[in-house]
């Protein structure tokens, strides 16, 4: 099993930036893709971004392309999500997730999830 702990969420004004971090543990981290999922109030979970193992091949939802950047540091077992040009629509709980293989592009590709970190973007 993979254990994930997110951090870096907070309140930011529209147009601002935040950097989320996810610390992972577990033997499967070495072979899994990693990603970020979010959920806004009243909405279903939404895929945000993913990065393959061991790295590269980032994949983004259309809603965040050009604004968010996912990266990973395998030596530190950590994945990041740099969020720029934030919009009120980006508000929600952001979850770090471990994929079931070395590639991930949809919600169904992920297994383990963290407990989430809250992101609030004010207008």
N, C-alpha and C. Protein backbone atom coordinates (compact mmCIF):
# COMPACT_ATOMS: atom_id res chain seq x y z
N UNK A 1 0.82 -1.17 0.00
CA UNK A 1 0.00 0.00 0.00
C UNK A 1 0.87 1.25 0.00
N UNK A 2 0.31 2.33 -0.54
CA UNK A 2 0.99 3.61 -0.60
C UNK A 2 0.29 4.58 0.35
N UNK A 3 1.06 5.23 1.20
CA UNK A 3 0.53 6.22 2.11
C UNK A 3 0.95 7.60 1.62
N UNK A 4 -0.01 8.52 1.56
CA UNK A 4 0.21 9.83 0.98
C UNK A 4 -0.24 10.93 1.94
N UNK A 5 0.57 11.97 2.05
CA UNK A 5 0.25 13.11 2.91
C UNK A 5 0.46 14.39 2.13
N UNK A 6 -0.62 15.13 1.90
CA UNK A 6 -0.56 16.38 1.15
C UNK A 6 -0.32 17.57 2.08
N UNK A 7 0.26 18.62 1.51
CA UNK A 7 0.46 19.86 2.24
C UNK A 7 0.56 21.00 1.24
N UNK A 8 0.44 22.22 1.73
CA UNK A 8 0.62 23.39 0.88
C UNK A 8 -0.64 24.13 0.51
N UNK A 9 -1.79 23.60 0.87
CA UNK A 9 -3.04 24.27 0.55
C UNK A 9 -3.22 25.52 1.38
N UNK A 10 -4.17 26.33 0.98
CA UNK A 10 -4.45 27.56 1.70
C UNK A 10 -5.39 28.44 0.93
N UNK A 11 -5.46 29.69 1.35
CA UNK A 11 -6.32 30.68 0.71
C UNK A 11 -5.46 31.62 -0.11
N UNK A 12 -5.87 31.86 -1.34
CA UNK A 12 -5.12 32.74 -2.23
C UNK A 12 -6.11 33.52 -3.09
N UNK A 13 -5.72 34.71 -3.47
CA UNK A 13 -6.57 35.52 -4.35
C UNK A 13 -6.44 35.06 -5.79
N UNK A 14 -7.47 35.30 -6.57
CA UNK A 14 -7.45 34.95 -7.98
C UNK A 14 -6.22 35.56 -8.65
N UNK A 15 -5.57 34.76 -9.48
CA UNK A 15 -4.35 35.19 -10.14
C UNK A 15 -3.09 34.82 -9.40
N UNK A 16 -3.23 34.37 -8.17
CA UNK A 16 -2.09 33.99 -7.37
C UNK A 16 -1.63 32.58 -7.62
N UNK A 17 -0.68 32.14 -6.80
CA UNK A 17 -0.07 30.82 -6.97
C UNK A 17 0.03 30.07 -5.65
N UNK A 18 0.03 28.75 -5.75
CA UNK A 18 0.27 27.86 -4.63
C UNK A 18 1.07 26.68 -5.13
N UNK A 19 1.85 26.09 -4.24
CA UNK A 19 2.58 24.88 -4.56
C UNK A 19 2.21 23.80 -3.56
N UNK A 20 1.60 22.74 -4.05
CA UNK A 20 1.21 21.62 -3.22
C UNK A 20 2.31 20.56 -3.23
N UNK A 21 2.48 19.90 -2.09
CA UNK A 21 3.45 18.82 -1.98
C UNK A 21 2.75 17.57 -1.47
N UNK A 22 3.26 16.43 -1.86
CA UNK A 22 2.72 15.15 -1.42
C UNK A 22 3.88 14.24 -1.07
N UNK A 23 3.96 13.87 0.19
CA UNK A 23 4.98 12.95 0.66
C UNK A 23 4.42 11.54 0.63
N UNK A 24 5.11 10.65 -0.05
CA UNK A 24 4.64 9.28 -0.21
C UNK A 24 5.55 8.28 0.47
N UNK A 25 4.96 7.20 0.91
CA UNK A 25 5.71 6.10 1.48
C UNK A 25 5.08 4.79 1.03
N UNK A 26 5.88 3.75 1.02
CA UNK A 26 5.40 2.47 0.56
C UNK A 26 6.22 1.96 -0.60
N UNK A 27 6.36 0.68 -0.68
CA UNK A 27 7.22 0.08 -1.70
C UNK A 27 6.71 0.30 -3.11
N UNK A 28 5.40 0.45 -3.28
CA UNK A 28 4.84 0.59 -4.62
C UNK A 28 5.11 1.95 -5.26
N UNK A 29 5.56 2.92 -4.49
CA UNK A 29 5.85 4.23 -5.05
C UNK A 29 6.88 4.14 -6.17
N UNK A 30 7.77 3.21 -6.08
CA UNK A 30 8.86 3.09 -7.05
C UNK A 30 8.40 2.65 -8.44
N UNK A 31 7.15 2.20 -8.57
CA UNK A 31 6.66 1.72 -9.86
C UNK A 31 5.36 2.38 -10.29
N UNK A 32 4.84 3.29 -9.51
CA UNK A 32 3.54 3.90 -9.78
C UNK A 32 3.66 5.30 -10.36
N UNK A 33 2.74 5.61 -11.25
CA UNK A 33 2.53 7.00 -11.63
C UNK A 33 1.94 7.73 -10.42
N UNK A 34 2.07 9.04 -10.42
CA UNK A 34 1.51 9.85 -9.35
C UNK A 34 0.67 10.95 -9.96
N UNK A 35 -0.33 11.39 -9.21
CA UNK A 35 -1.20 12.42 -9.75
C UNK A 35 -1.91 13.21 -8.70
N UNK A 36 -2.69 14.16 -9.17
CA UNK A 36 -3.49 15.02 -8.32
C UNK A 36 -4.93 15.00 -8.79
N UNK A 37 -5.83 14.89 -7.83
CA UNK A 37 -7.27 14.89 -8.06
C UNK A 37 -7.88 15.97 -7.18
N UNK A 38 -8.95 16.60 -7.62
CA UNK A 38 -9.59 17.61 -6.80
C UNK A 38 -11.10 17.41 -6.78
N UNK A 39 -11.72 17.99 -5.75
CA UNK A 39 -13.16 17.91 -5.62
C UNK A 39 -13.68 19.22 -5.04
N UNK A 40 -14.54 19.87 -5.79
CA UNK A 40 -15.17 21.11 -5.35
C UNK A 40 -16.51 20.78 -4.71
N UNK A 41 -17.01 21.64 -3.83
CA UNK A 41 -18.31 21.40 -3.21
C UNK A 41 -19.40 21.22 -4.26
N UNK A 42 -20.19 20.17 -4.10
CA UNK A 42 -21.27 19.90 -5.03
C UNK A 42 -20.86 19.28 -6.34
N UNK A 43 -19.60 18.96 -6.49
CA UNK A 43 -19.11 18.37 -7.73
C UNK A 43 -18.42 17.04 -7.46
N UNK A 44 -18.29 16.25 -8.50
CA UNK A 44 -17.59 14.97 -8.40
C UNK A 44 -16.09 15.20 -8.47
N UNK A 45 -15.36 14.18 -8.06
CA UNK A 45 -13.91 14.26 -8.16
C UNK A 45 -13.49 14.45 -9.60
N UNK A 46 -12.45 15.26 -9.79
CA UNK A 46 -11.97 15.61 -11.12
C UNK A 46 -10.47 15.37 -11.23
N UNK A 47 -10.07 14.69 -12.28
CA UNK A 47 -8.66 14.50 -12.56
C UNK A 47 -8.02 15.84 -12.86
N UNK A 48 -6.84 16.08 -12.30
CA UNK A 48 -6.13 17.34 -12.51
C UNK A 48 -4.85 17.13 -13.32
N UNK A 49 -3.97 16.26 -12.83
CA UNK A 49 -2.69 16.06 -13.48
C UNK A 49 -2.08 14.74 -13.04
N UNK A 50 -1.18 14.21 -13.87
CA UNK A 50 -0.47 12.98 -13.55
C UNK A 50 0.91 13.01 -14.17
N UNK A 51 1.81 12.24 -13.58
CA UNK A 51 3.16 12.11 -14.10
C UNK A 51 3.56 10.66 -13.99
N UNK A 52 4.21 10.15 -15.02
CA UNK A 52 4.57 8.74 -15.08
C UNK A 52 5.75 8.41 -14.18
N UNK A 53 5.95 7.10 -13.97
CA UNK A 53 7.17 6.60 -13.35
C UNK A 53 8.14 6.27 -14.45
N UNK A 54 9.44 6.65 -14.34
CA UNK A 54 10.05 7.35 -13.22
C UNK A 54 9.90 8.87 -13.26
N UNK A 55 9.37 9.39 -14.36
CA UNK A 55 9.15 10.82 -14.51
C UNK A 55 8.91 11.16 -15.96
N UNK A 56 8.55 12.39 -16.21
CA UNK A 56 8.25 12.81 -17.55
C UNK A 56 6.82 12.45 -17.93
N UNK A 57 6.49 12.68 -19.17
CA UNK A 57 5.15 12.38 -19.70
C UNK A 57 4.03 12.95 -18.83
N UNK A 58 4.11 14.23 -18.48
CA UNK A 58 3.02 14.81 -17.69
C UNK A 58 1.74 14.87 -18.50
N UNK A 59 0.63 14.74 -17.82
CA UNK A 59 -0.67 14.77 -18.47
C UNK A 59 -1.60 15.63 -17.63
N UNK A 60 -2.32 16.55 -18.28
CA UNK A 60 -3.15 17.51 -17.57
C UNK A 60 -4.57 17.54 -18.09
N UNK A 61 -5.48 17.85 -17.18
CA UNK A 61 -6.85 18.12 -17.59
C UNK A 61 -6.86 19.42 -18.39
N UNK A 62 -7.77 19.52 -19.34
CA UNK A 62 -7.84 20.72 -20.17
C UNK A 62 -8.04 21.98 -19.33
N UNK A 63 -8.74 21.86 -18.22
CA UNK A 63 -9.05 23.00 -17.40
C UNK A 63 -7.84 23.63 -16.71
N UNK A 64 -6.72 22.90 -16.63
CA UNK A 64 -5.54 23.42 -15.94
C UNK A 64 -4.32 23.52 -16.83
N UNK A 65 -4.41 23.09 -18.07
CA UNK A 65 -3.27 23.16 -18.98
C UNK A 65 -2.77 24.58 -19.12
N UNK A 66 -1.45 24.73 -19.05
CA UNK A 66 -0.84 26.04 -19.16
C UNK A 66 -0.75 26.79 -17.86
N UNK A 67 -1.43 26.30 -16.82
CA UNK A 67 -1.42 26.97 -15.52
C UNK A 67 -0.80 26.13 -14.41
N UNK A 68 -0.99 24.83 -14.46
CA UNK A 68 -0.47 23.92 -13.44
C UNK A 68 0.69 23.10 -13.99
N UNK A 69 1.63 22.75 -13.11
CA UNK A 69 2.75 21.91 -13.49
C UNK A 69 2.96 20.84 -12.42
N UNK A 70 2.98 19.59 -12.85
CA UNK A 70 3.22 18.49 -11.93
C UNK A 70 4.67 18.02 -12.09
N UNK A 71 5.29 17.66 -10.98
CA UNK A 71 6.66 17.15 -11.01
C UNK A 71 6.84 16.16 -9.87
N UNK A 72 7.92 15.40 -9.91
CA UNK A 72 8.18 14.45 -8.83
C UNK A 72 9.67 14.35 -8.57
N UNK A 73 10.00 14.08 -7.32
CA UNK A 73 11.37 13.86 -6.89
C UNK A 73 11.39 12.47 -6.28
N UNK A 74 11.82 11.50 -7.05
CA UNK A 74 11.76 10.11 -6.59
C UNK A 74 12.69 9.83 -5.41
N UNK A 75 13.81 10.55 -5.34
CA UNK A 75 14.73 10.37 -4.23
C UNK A 75 14.09 10.78 -2.91
N UNK A 76 13.16 11.73 -2.97
CA UNK A 76 12.47 12.21 -1.78
C UNK A 76 11.07 11.63 -1.64
N UNK A 77 10.68 10.78 -2.58
CA UNK A 77 9.33 10.20 -2.57
C UNK A 77 8.27 11.29 -2.46
N UNK A 78 8.43 12.31 -3.28
CA UNK A 78 7.56 13.47 -3.20
C UNK A 78 7.09 13.89 -4.59
N UNK A 79 5.84 14.28 -4.68
CA UNK A 79 5.28 14.82 -5.91
C UNK A 79 4.75 16.21 -5.62
N UNK A 80 4.84 17.09 -6.60
CA UNK A 80 4.46 18.48 -6.42
C UNK A 80 3.43 18.90 -7.46
N UNK A 81 2.68 19.92 -7.12
CA UNK A 81 1.78 20.54 -8.07
C UNK A 81 1.92 22.05 -7.93
N UNK A 82 2.56 22.66 -8.90
CA UNK A 82 2.68 24.11 -8.93
C UNK A 82 1.46 24.68 -9.63
N UNK A 83 0.72 25.52 -8.95
CA UNK A 83 -0.52 26.08 -9.48
C UNK A 83 -0.36 27.58 -9.64
N UNK A 84 -0.43 28.04 -10.86
CA UNK A 84 -0.31 29.46 -11.17
C UNK A 84 -1.61 29.97 -11.78
N UNK A 85 -1.76 31.28 -11.79
CA UNK A 85 -2.94 31.92 -12.38
C UNK A 85 -4.22 31.28 -11.87
N UNK A 86 -4.30 31.12 -10.57
CA UNK A 86 -5.44 30.44 -9.97
C UNK A 86 -6.74 31.20 -10.17
N UNK A 87 -7.79 30.44 -10.35
CA UNK A 87 -9.13 30.96 -10.56
C UNK A 87 -10.05 30.48 -9.44
N UNK A 88 -11.14 31.20 -9.17
CA UNK A 88 -12.09 30.73 -8.17
C UNK A 88 -12.59 29.31 -8.46
N UNK A 89 -12.68 28.93 -9.72
CA UNK A 89 -13.11 27.60 -10.10
C UNK A 89 -12.14 26.51 -9.67
N UNK A 90 -10.92 26.89 -9.29
CA UNK A 90 -9.94 25.92 -8.82
C UNK A 90 -10.13 25.56 -7.35
N UNK A 91 -11.04 26.22 -6.68
CA UNK A 91 -11.30 25.95 -5.27
C UNK A 91 -11.77 24.51 -5.05
N UNK A 92 -11.23 23.88 -4.03
CA UNK A 92 -11.63 22.53 -3.72
C UNK A 92 -10.61 21.83 -2.85
N UNK A 93 -10.86 20.58 -2.59
CA UNK A 93 -9.92 19.75 -1.86
C UNK A 93 -9.06 19.01 -2.88
N UNK A 94 -7.77 19.13 -2.72
CA UNK A 94 -6.83 18.50 -3.64
C UNK A 94 -6.23 17.26 -3.01
N UNK A 95 -6.34 16.15 -3.72
CA UNK A 95 -5.85 14.87 -3.24
C UNK A 95 -4.67 14.40 -4.07
N UNK A 96 -3.66 13.93 -3.41
CA UNK A 96 -2.57 13.24 -4.07
C UNK A 96 -2.98 11.78 -4.25
N UNK A 97 -2.63 11.19 -5.36
CA UNK A 97 -3.02 9.81 -5.63
C UNK A 97 -1.91 9.05 -6.31
N UNK A 98 -1.83 7.77 -6.00
CA UNK A 98 -0.87 6.87 -6.62
C UNK A 98 -1.58 6.02 -7.66
N UNK A 99 -1.00 5.92 -8.83
CA UNK A 99 -1.59 5.13 -9.90
C UNK A 99 -1.39 3.65 -9.69
N UNK A 100 -2.10 2.88 -10.49
CA UNK A 100 -2.00 1.43 -10.43
C UNK A 100 -0.90 0.88 -11.33
N UNK A 101 -0.29 1.75 -12.12
CA UNK A 101 0.79 1.37 -13.01
C UNK A 101 1.72 2.54 -13.21
N UNK A 102 2.56 2.46 -14.23
CA UNK A 102 3.52 3.54 -14.47
C UNK A 102 2.98 4.67 -15.33
N UNK A 103 1.71 4.57 -15.74
CA UNK A 103 1.03 5.63 -16.49
C UNK A 103 -0.35 5.84 -15.88
N UNK A 104 -0.83 7.07 -15.95
CA UNK A 104 -2.16 7.39 -15.44
C UNK A 104 -2.69 8.62 -16.17
N UNK A 105 -3.95 8.52 -16.61
CA UNK A 105 -4.55 9.63 -17.32
C UNK A 105 -6.01 9.87 -16.95
N UNK A 106 -6.59 8.99 -16.14
CA UNK A 106 -7.98 9.13 -15.73
C UNK A 106 -8.12 8.75 -14.26
N UNK A 107 -9.27 9.08 -13.68
CA UNK A 107 -9.54 8.74 -12.29
C UNK A 107 -9.42 7.25 -12.03
N UNK A 108 -9.84 6.45 -12.98
CA UNK A 108 -9.82 5.01 -12.82
C UNK A 108 -8.42 4.43 -12.74
N UNK A 109 -7.41 5.19 -13.12
CA UNK A 109 -6.04 4.71 -13.10
C UNK A 109 -5.39 4.80 -11.73
N UNK A 110 -6.07 5.42 -10.77
CA UNK A 110 -5.49 5.63 -9.45
C UNK A 110 -6.08 4.72 -8.40
N UNK A 111 -5.23 4.35 -7.43
CA UNK A 111 -5.66 3.50 -6.32
C UNK A 111 -5.62 4.23 -5.00
N UNK A 112 -4.46 4.33 -4.37
CA UNK A 112 -4.31 4.97 -3.08
C UNK A 112 -4.47 6.48 -3.18
N UNK A 113 -5.10 7.06 -2.15
CA UNK A 113 -5.35 8.49 -2.08
C UNK A 113 -4.91 9.04 -0.73
N UNK A 114 -4.53 10.31 -0.72
CA UNK A 114 -4.25 10.98 0.54
C UNK A 114 -5.54 11.51 1.13
N UNK A 115 -5.43 12.25 2.23
CA UNK A 115 -6.61 12.81 2.89
C UNK A 115 -6.99 14.18 2.34
N UNK A 116 -6.14 14.78 1.54
CA UNK A 116 -6.47 16.02 0.87
C UNK A 116 -5.96 17.26 1.59
N UNK A 117 -5.80 18.32 0.82
CA UNK A 117 -5.45 19.63 1.35
C UNK A 117 -6.37 20.65 0.69
N UNK A 118 -6.89 21.59 1.47
CA UNK A 118 -7.87 22.53 0.97
C UNK A 118 -7.21 23.70 0.25
N UNK A 119 -7.79 24.05 -0.90
CA UNK A 119 -7.36 25.20 -1.67
C UNK A 119 -8.57 26.09 -1.89
N UNK A 120 -8.47 27.33 -1.48
CA UNK A 120 -9.56 28.28 -1.67
C UNK A 120 -9.04 29.49 -2.43
N UNK A 121 -9.67 29.78 -3.55
CA UNK A 121 -9.27 30.91 -4.39
C UNK A 121 -10.39 31.94 -4.35
N UNK A 122 -10.10 33.10 -3.83
CA UNK A 122 -11.10 34.15 -3.71
C UNK A 122 -11.09 35.04 -4.94
N UNK A 123 -12.26 35.56 -5.28
CA UNK A 123 -12.39 36.42 -6.45
C UNK A 123 -12.13 37.87 -6.10
